[in-house]
Amino acid sequence: MFALKRKILIAAKAAGLFALARRRSAPAVRILCYHGIWLGDPVFPGDSMFMQAATFRRRLRYLRQAGYPVVSLSEAAAALNGSGPKLPPCAVVITIDDGWYSSFKTMLPALIEQGMPATLYCDTAQLTGGRPIAHVMARYVQKVCDKIPASQRRQDIDVAKAAVARGIAMNCKITVEERVTATKQLASALGIDLRPMLDTRTFDYMTPDELRTAKARGLDIQLHTHRHTLGDMSAAVVESEIKRNRQALAEILGMAPADFHHFCYPSGLTSAAAAMALANIGMATSVTTIQGLAWPGAQLQLLPRLHDGENVSDLEFEAELSGFSDWLRRSVRSAQALLPLSGRAELTTTGKLRFGRTEVRGREGEDMAPPS
């Protein structure tokens, strides 16, 4: 499937369709979505959540070389709702989710080097917790193990012990300490040395001091809920999570709670009710994991983004930025609208593609369950 897609994109670019799509989509904003940089065992090449530092730097160089102007989120929001100056053609906004230490260590210096603004959506319970994010660490310990060649893998792996430990580590209803302990047991059972990944803080968030430093160096810090969840998405939960997130960020950064008015839905989960609640409490924008371009007049509480990661090739990245991939998605939807209802595919508000009664996850970062 990937080989076929690559052939289609190569042919489309050669035929001038990338250039045509770029001209036709010039008024739309490209909101890029990133998460973190992989600082762990090099046997793992990266994925949709943790990309290689070299790949991120290459993306920023491409933006500059290809003439895609990078603007701030606030500038883009004002232009999209018609209250601010018109943006340059094919404007790009860079957004980073969560608050990983690797974003501070590697992404921020690369952004400063290129002179590009960016927004970090930071959930605060995990940031102030001061511990590795155990359920994410457990998931990637398993991924690292799976990437080790069979000939180099330890032969006495305790599969049963690993399964039990993994179940405990992924259980976000127990304490962080219990989950971290279980993750260490999982690594031991799989024959993975966890110490280098702990030493490099691969699965750590920034510290409050590092977040302050990032803000001082020009990174725009915005909202991502306090516990990385909107729960049942009721107005009460939305308001509570935003209030706690605002208060925590305000205390850390020495700002007023009202200074934070841009939001990112955690784990890509959205709803019309949540969008309405966010608008009612004064969010200027709320970004989703729905893949696409943000056009003037778009629903500001359900803005789409373009997801980038190690799983995205340079050619795919170019196709997304040009607008060709967005045009292709729109064309497919238009064609499918002519099909009988049972055969249609539709994009849900959670950023998933539903075909008939089956849901398929769209491209997005790894889900982040809430901490205890």
Protein backbone atom coordinates (compact mmCIF):
# COMPACT_ATOMS: atom_id res chain seq x y z
CA MET A 1 0.00 0.00 0.00
CA PHE A 2 2.83 2.40 0.85
CA ALA A 3 4.59 1.65 -2.46
CA LEU A 4 1.39 2.42 -4.39
CA LYS A 5 0.86 5.67 -2.48
CA ARG A 6 4.44 6.71 -3.15
CA LYS A 7 4.02 6.07 -6.88
CA ILE A 8 0.84 8.15 -6.93
CA LEU A 9 2.53 11.05 -5.13
CA ILE A 10 5.62 10.93 -7.36
CA ALA A 11 3.40 11.00 -10.46
CA ALA A 12 1.26 13.82 -9.08
CA LYS A 13 4.29 15.94 -8.25
CA ALA A 14 5.84 15.31 -11.68
CA ALA A 15 2.56 16.32 -13.32
CA GLY A 16 2.61 19.65 -11.49
CA LEU A 17 -0.32 18.82 -9.20
CA PHE A 18 1.61 19.71 -6.04
CA ALA A 19 2.31 23.18 -7.46
CA LEU A 20 -1.28 23.59 -8.60
CA ALA A 21 -2.65 22.50 -5.22
CA ARG A 22 -0.33 24.91 -3.45
CA ARG A 23 -1.61 27.85 -5.49
CA ARG A 24 -5.25 26.89 -5.00
CA SER A 25 -4.87 26.32 -1.25
CA ALA A 26 -2.83 29.47 -0.60
CA PRO A 27 -5.49 31.04 1.70
CA ALA A 28 -5.53 27.97 4.00
CA VAL A 29 -3.33 27.64 7.08
CA ARG A 30 -1.18 24.56 7.54
CA ILE A 31 -1.21 23.78 11.29
CA LEU A 32 1.55 21.24 11.88
CA CYS A 33 1.26 18.84 14.83
CA TYR A 34 4.27 17.39 16.64
CA HIS A 35 4.80 15.56 19.93
CA GLY A 36 8.34 14.68 20.98
CA ILE A 37 11.80 13.54 19.90
CA TRP A 38 13.03 9.99 20.43
CA LEU A 39 15.90 10.01 22.96
CA GLY A 40 15.82 6.28 23.71
CA ASP A 41 17.46 3.14 22.34
CA PRO A 42 18.53 3.79 18.72
CA VAL A 43 17.22 0.36 17.70
CA PHE A 44 13.78 2.00 17.64
CA PRO A 45 13.50 4.36 14.63
CA GLY A 46 10.66 6.57 15.87
CA ASP A 47 6.97 6.74 15.01
CA SER A 48 3.98 9.09 14.95
CA MET A 49 4.66 10.32 18.49
CA PHE A 50 8.45 10.38 18.87
CA MET A 51 10.42 11.38 15.78
CA GLN A 52 14.16 11.63 15.17
CA ALA A 53 15.83 14.97 15.89
CA ALA A 54 17.37 15.00 12.41
CA THR A 55 13.93 14.60 10.83
CA PHE A 56 12.51 17.55 12.74
CA ARG A 57 15.44 19.77 11.76
CA ARG A 58 15.04 18.68 8.15
CA ARG A 59 11.34 19.63 8.24
CA LEU A 60 12.14 23.14 9.46
CA ARG A 61 14.78 23.59 6.77
CA TYR A 62 12.27 22.47 4.14
CA LEU A 63 9.73 25.03 5.32
CA ARG A 64 12.28 27.78 4.86
CA GLN A 65 13.74 26.53 1.58
CA ALA A 66 10.33 25.87 0.01
CA GLY A 67 9.01 29.28 1.02
CA TYR A 68 6.34 28.32 3.56
CA PRO A 69 6.09 31.29 5.98
CA VAL A 70 5.75 30.27 9.64
CA VAL A 71 3.43 32.52 11.67
CA SER A 72 2.26 32.48 15.26
CA LEU A 73 -0.94 30.74 16.31
CA SER A 74 -2.46 34.06 17.40
CA GLU A 75 -1.78 35.62 13.99
CA ALA A 76 -3.36 32.62 12.28
CA ALA A 77 -6.42 32.68 14.55
CA ALA A 78 -7.04 36.36 13.87
CA ALA A 79 -6.77 35.83 10.13
CA LEU A 80 -9.01 32.76 10.13
CA ASN A 81 -11.83 34.56 11.94
CA GLY A 82 -11.39 37.74 9.92
CA SER A 83 -10.34 39.99 12.81
CA GLY A 84 -6.68 40.34 11.88
CA PRO A 85 -4.40 41.06 8.93
CA LYS A 86 -4.35 38.72 5.97
CA LEU A 87 -1.64 36.07 6.18
CA PRO A 88 1.01 35.46 3.53
CA PRO A 89 0.12 32.63 1.12
CA CYS A 90 0.42 29.06 2.47
CA ALA A 91 1.11 30.18 6.04
CA VAL A 92 2.25 27.51 8.52
CA VAL A 93 1.70 27.24 12.28
CA ILE A 94 3.89 24.86 14.30
CA THR A 95 2.23 23.20 17.29
CA ILE A 96 3.67 20.70 19.78
CA ASP A 97 1.49 18.59 22.08
CA ASP A 98 2.06 17.54 25.70
CA GLY A 99 5.26 18.84 27.29
CA TRP A 100 7.98 16.27 26.72
CA TYR A 101 11.50 17.03 27.89
CA SER A 102 12.70 16.14 24.39
CA SER A 103 10.68 19.06 23.01
CA PHE A 104 12.65 21.36 25.30
CA LYS A 105 16.01 19.69 24.67
CA THR A 106 15.83 19.32 20.89
CA MET A 107 12.83 20.99 19.26
CA LEU A 108 13.18 24.38 20.94
CA PRO A 109 16.85 24.89 19.91
CA ALA A 110 15.97 23.91 16.32
CA LEU A 111 13.09 26.40 16.26
CA ILE A 112 15.28 29.16 17.69
CA GLU A 113 17.98 28.41 15.11
CA GLN A 114 15.45 28.86 12.30
CA GLY A 115 13.77 31.85 13.95
CA MET A 116 10.36 30.15 13.84
CA PRO A 117 7.55 30.65 16.38
CA ALA A 118 5.71 27.63 17.81
CA THR A 119 3.00 26.82 20.34
CA LEU A 120 3.28 24.11 23.01
CA TYR A 121 0.01 22.70 24.38
CA CYS A 122 0.91 21.54 27.89
CA ASP A 123 -1.11 19.40 30.30
CA THR A 124 -0.02 20.21 33.83
CA ALA A 125 -0.61 17.24 36.16
CA GLN A 126 2.07 15.22 34.40
CA LEU A 127 4.38 18.22 34.15
CA THR A 128 4.23 18.91 37.89
CA GLY A 129 4.32 15.19 38.77
CA GLY A 130 8.07 14.97 38.22
CA ARG A 131 8.03 11.29 37.21
CA PRO A 132 8.38 9.42 33.90
CA ILE A 133 5.04 8.86 32.18
CA ALA A 134 4.84 5.18 33.05
CA HIS A 135 2.14 3.93 30.68
CA VAL A 136 3.90 5.55 27.71
CA MET A 137 7.24 4.17 28.89
CA ALA A 138 5.76 0.66 29.11
CA ARG A 139 4.38 0.91 25.57
CA TYR A 140 7.76 1.92 24.17
CA VAL A 141 9.73 -0.64 26.15
CA GLN A 142 7.68 -3.22 24.28
CA LYS A 143 8.27 -1.42 20.97
CA VAL A 144 12.03 -1.37 21.57
CA CYS A 145 11.97 -5.10 22.36
CA ASP A 146 10.04 -5.81 19.16
CA LYS A 147 12.67 -3.98 17.08
CA ILE A 148 15.61 -6.01 18.42
CA PRO A 149 16.59 -8.70 15.86
CA ALA A 150 15.63 -12.19 17.01
CA SER A 151 19.28 -13.24 16.89
CA GLN A 152 20.20 -10.50 19.38
CA ARG A 153 17.18 -10.83 21.65
CA ARG A 154 17.61 -12.41 25.04
CA GLN A 155 16.50 -16.04 24.92
CA ASP A 156 15.12 -16.24 28.46
CA ILE A 157 12.39 -13.61 28.05
CA ASP A 158 9.66 -14.23 30.60
CA VAL A 159 6.56 -13.71 28.45
CA ALA A 160 4.09 -14.37 31.27
CA LYS A 161 5.82 -12.01 33.68
CA ALA A 162 6.07 -9.35 30.96
CA ALA A 163 2.32 -9.58 30.23
CA VAL A 164 1.42 -9.13 33.91
CA ALA A 165 3.83 -6.23 34.35
CA ARG A 166 2.60 -4.53 31.17
CA GLY A 167 -1.01 -4.76 32.35
CA ILE A 168 -0.14 -3.09 35.65
CA ALA A 169 2.01 -0.40 34.00
CA MET A 170 -0.81 0.55 31.64
CA ASN A 171 -3.40 0.77 34.42
CA CYS A 172 -3.89 4.50 34.96
CA LYS A 173 -6.19 3.90 37.93
CA ILE A 174 -3.28 2.97 40.21
CA THR A 175 -0.49 5.24 41.50
CA VAL A 176 2.37 6.53 39.38
CA GLU A 177 4.86 4.77 41.65
CA GLU A 178 3.15 1.41 41.09
CA ARG A 179 3.15 1.95 37.33
CA VAL A 180 6.82 2.94 37.23
CA THR A 181 7.76 -0.13 39.28
CA ALA A 182 5.73 -2.34 36.93
CA THR A 183 7.44 -0.79 33.91
CA LYS A 184 10.85 -1.60 35.37
CA GLN A 185 9.67 -5.17 35.90
CA LEU A 186 8.44 -5.27 32.30
CA ALA A 187 11.82 -4.09 31.02
CA SER A 188 13.60 -6.72 33.14
CA ALA A 189 11.32 -9.48 31.88
CA LEU A 190 11.99 -8.43 28.26
CA GLY A 191 15.74 -8.07 28.76
CA ILE A 192 15.70 -4.30 28.09
CA ASP A 193 18.09 -1.99 29.92
CA LEU A 194 15.84 0.85 31.04
CA ARG A 195 18.58 2.94 32.62
CA PRO A 196 19.73 4.79 29.46
CA MET A 197 16.16 5.84 28.68
CA LEU A 198 15.65 7.00 32.27
CA ASP A 199 18.97 8.88 32.18
CA THR A 200 18.06 10.67 28.93
CA ARG A 201 14.56 11.45 30.27
CA THR A 202 13.01 9.92 27.17
CA PHE A 203 9.64 9.58 28.93
CA ASP A 204 9.80 12.65 31.16
CA TYR A 205 7.97 15.92 30.80
CA MET A 206 9.79 19.20 31.28
CA THR A 207 10.21 20.51 34.79
CA PRO A 208 8.42 23.75 35.71
CA ASP A 209 11.81 25.53 35.51
CA GLU A 210 12.34 24.19 31.99
CA LEU A 211 8.86 25.31 30.97
CA ARG A 212 9.65 28.79 32.26
CA THR A 213 12.90 28.77 30.29
CA ALA A 214 11.06 27.65 27.16
CA LYS A 215 8.58 30.51 27.56
CA ALA A 216 11.43 32.99 28.07
CA ARG A 217 13.03 31.74 24.84
CA GLY A 218 9.91 32.50 22.85
CA LEU A 219 7.81 29.32 22.98
CA ASP A 220 4.09 30.09 23.27
CA ILE A 221 2.58 27.94 26.05
CA GLN A 222 -1.12 27.06 25.83
CA LEU A 223 -3.75 24.68 27.21
CA HIS A 224 -4.04 20.88 26.99
CA THR A 225 -6.18 20.17 30.12
CA HIS A 226 -4.77 19.45 33.57
CA ARG A 227 -5.09 15.64 33.61
CA HIS A 228 -4.80 15.04 29.84
CA THR A 229 -8.49 14.22 29.56
CA LEU A 230 -11.86 15.85 29.05
CA GLY A 231 -13.63 12.95 30.73
CA ASP A 232 -17.22 12.71 29.53
CA MET A 233 -16.79 16.03 27.67
CA SER A 234 -19.59 17.65 29.65
CA ALA A 235 -19.45 21.40 30.16
CA ALA A 236 -18.65 20.88 33.85
CA VAL A 237 -15.62 18.70 33.15
CA VAL A 238 -14.39 20.94 30.34
CA GLU A 239 -14.62 24.00 32.57
CA SER A 240 -12.91 22.22 35.48
CA GLU A 241 -10.02 20.91 33.40
CA ILE A 242 -9.43 24.25 31.69
CA LYS A 243 -9.61 26.13 35.00
CA ARG A 244 -7.03 23.84 36.65
CA ASN A 245 -4.81 23.91 33.56
CA ARG A 246 -4.95 27.71 33.41
CA GLN A 247 -4.24 28.12 37.12
CA ALA A 248 -1.28 25.72 37.05
CA LEU A 249 0.29 27.36 33.98
CA ALA A 250 -0.33 30.83 35.41
CA GLU A 251 1.46 29.92 38.66
CA ILE A 252 4.39 28.31 36.85
CA LEU A 253 4.86 31.07 34.27
CA GLY A 254 3.86 34.09 36.34
CA MET A 255 1.00 35.02 34.03
CA ALA A 256 -2.73 35.63 34.41
CA PRO A 257 -5.03 32.62 33.82
CA ALA A 258 -6.88 34.59 31.15
CA ASP A 259 -3.65 34.84 29.13
CA PHE A 260 -4.15 31.23 28.02
CA HIS A 261 -6.86 31.03 25.37
CA HIS A 262 -5.76 28.42 22.83
CA PHE A 263 -6.48 24.73 23.41
CA CYS A 264 -5.61 21.27 22.09
CA TYR A 265 -7.94 18.30 22.63
CA PRO A 266 -6.06 15.50 24.48
CA SER A 267 -5.75 12.15 22.68
CA GLY A 268 -7.64 13.55 19.70
CA LEU A 269 -11.03 13.05 21.34
CA THR A 270 -13.57 15.75 20.50
CA SER A 271 -17.30 16.36 20.51
CA ALA A 272 -19.69 19.10 19.47
CA ALA A 273 -20.65 19.59 23.12
CA ALA A 274 -17.01 20.05 24.16
CA ALA A 275 -16.45 22.50 21.31
CA MET A 276 -19.44 24.55 22.45
CA ALA A 277 -18.24 24.50 26.07
CA LEU A 278 -14.78 25.68 24.99
CA ALA A 279 -16.27 28.53 22.98
CA ASN A 280 -18.41 29.52 25.97
CA ILE A 281 -15.38 29.87 28.24
CA GLY A 282 -13.51 32.03 25.75
CA MET A 283 -11.18 29.74 23.84
CA ALA A 284 -9.91 31.55 20.75
CA THR A 285 -9.05 28.26 19.04
CA SER A 286 -9.13 24.54 19.75
CA VAL A 287 -7.12 22.16 17.57
CA THR A 288 -7.99 18.53 16.85
CA THR A 289 -6.25 15.52 15.31
CA ILE A 290 -8.47 15.69 12.23
CA GLN A 291 -6.14 15.73 9.23
CA GLY A 292 -6.50 18.71 6.94
CA LEU A 293 -5.95 22.39 6.19
CA ALA A 294 -7.56 25.20 8.17
CA TRP A 295 -9.46 27.49 5.79
CA PRO A 296 -10.69 31.02 6.56
CA GLY A 297 -14.09 30.82 8.21
CA ALA A 298 -13.38 27.37 9.67
CA GLN A 299 -14.94 26.28 12.97
CA LEU A 300 -12.30 27.63 15.36
CA GLN A 301 -13.12 25.11 18.10
CA LEU A 302 -12.51 22.13 15.78
CA LEU A 303 -9.48 23.14 13.74
CA PRO A 304 -7.74 20.40 11.72
CA ARG A 305 -3.98 19.88 11.67
CA LEU A 306 -1.32 18.12 9.60
CA HIS A 307 0.32 15.41 11.68
CA ASP A 308 4.04 14.89 11.24
CA GLY A 309 6.24 12.17 12.64
CA GLU A 310 8.89 9.64 11.74
CA ASN A 311 6.15 7.63 10.02
CA VAL A 312 5.66 10.45 7.48
CA SER A 313 8.05 10.43 4.53
CA ASP A 314 9.53 13.61 3.08
CA LEU A 315 7.34 13.16 0.00
CA GLU A 316 4.18 12.77 2.11
CA PHE A 317 5.15 15.86 4.10
CA GLU A 318 5.56 17.84 0.88
CA ALA A 319 2.21 16.55 -0.41
CA GLU A 320 0.44 17.65 2.79
CA LEU A 321 2.01 21.10 2.82
CA SER A 322 1.23 21.71 -0.84
CA GLY A 323 -2.43 20.95 -0.22
CA PHE A 324 -2.46 18.05 -2.67
CA SER A 325 -3.25 15.48 0.02
CA ASP A 326 -6.05 17.66 1.35
CA TRP A 327 -7.48 18.01 -2.16
CA LEU A 328 -7.26 14.23 -2.54
CA ARG A 329 -9.14 13.66 0.74
CA ARG A 330 -11.85 16.11 -0.30
CA SER A 331 -12.20 14.43 -3.68
CA VAL A 332 -12.56 11.01 -2.08
CA ARG A 333 -15.25 12.33 0.26
CA SER A 334 -17.14 13.91 -2.63
CA ALA A 335 -17.04 10.65 -4.59
CA GLN A 336 -18.11 8.62 -1.57
CA ALA A 337 -21.07 10.93 -0.99
CA LEU A 338 -22.53 9.47 -4.18
CA LEU A 339 -22.37 5.94 -2.78
CA PRO A 340 -25.17 4.24 -0.82
CA LEU A 341 -25.08 5.14 2.90
CA SER A 342 -23.68 1.73 3.89
CA GLY A 343 -20.68 2.25 1.64
CA ARG A 344 -19.79 5.77 2.59
CA ALA A 345 -16.71 6.85 4.50
CA GLU A 346 -16.93 9.89 6.74
CA LEU A 347 -14.61 11.76 9.07
CA THR A 348 -15.99 11.84 12.59
CA THR A 349 -15.44 14.65 15.08
CA THR A 350 -12.92 12.44 16.89
CA GLY A 351 -10.63 12.54 13.89
CA LYS A 352 -11.46 8.98 12.83
CA LEU A 353 -12.55 7.73 9.45
CA ARG A 354 -15.76 5.73 9.64
CA PHE A 355 -16.61 3.36 6.80
CA GLY A 356 -20.15 2.06 7.16
CA ARG A 357 -20.26 0.90 10.77
CA THR A 358 -16.51 0.43 11.12
CA GLU A 359 -14.25 3.11 12.58
CA VAL A 360 -10.59 3.43 11.59
CA ARG A 361 -8.24 5.71 13.51
CA GLY A 362 -6.85 8.59 11.51
CA ARG A 363 -3.21 9.62 11.69
CA GLU A 364 -2.43 11.05 15.10
CA GLY A 365 0.03 10.76 17.94
CA GLU A 366 -0.13 7.93 20.42
CA ASP A 367 -3.00 8.23 22.86
CA MET A 368 -2.04 9.61 26.25
CA ALA A 369 -4.23 8.30 29.03
CA PRO A 370 -4.68 10.57 32.06
CA PRO A 371 -2.39 10.20 35.08
CA SER A 372 -3.72 9.10 38.42
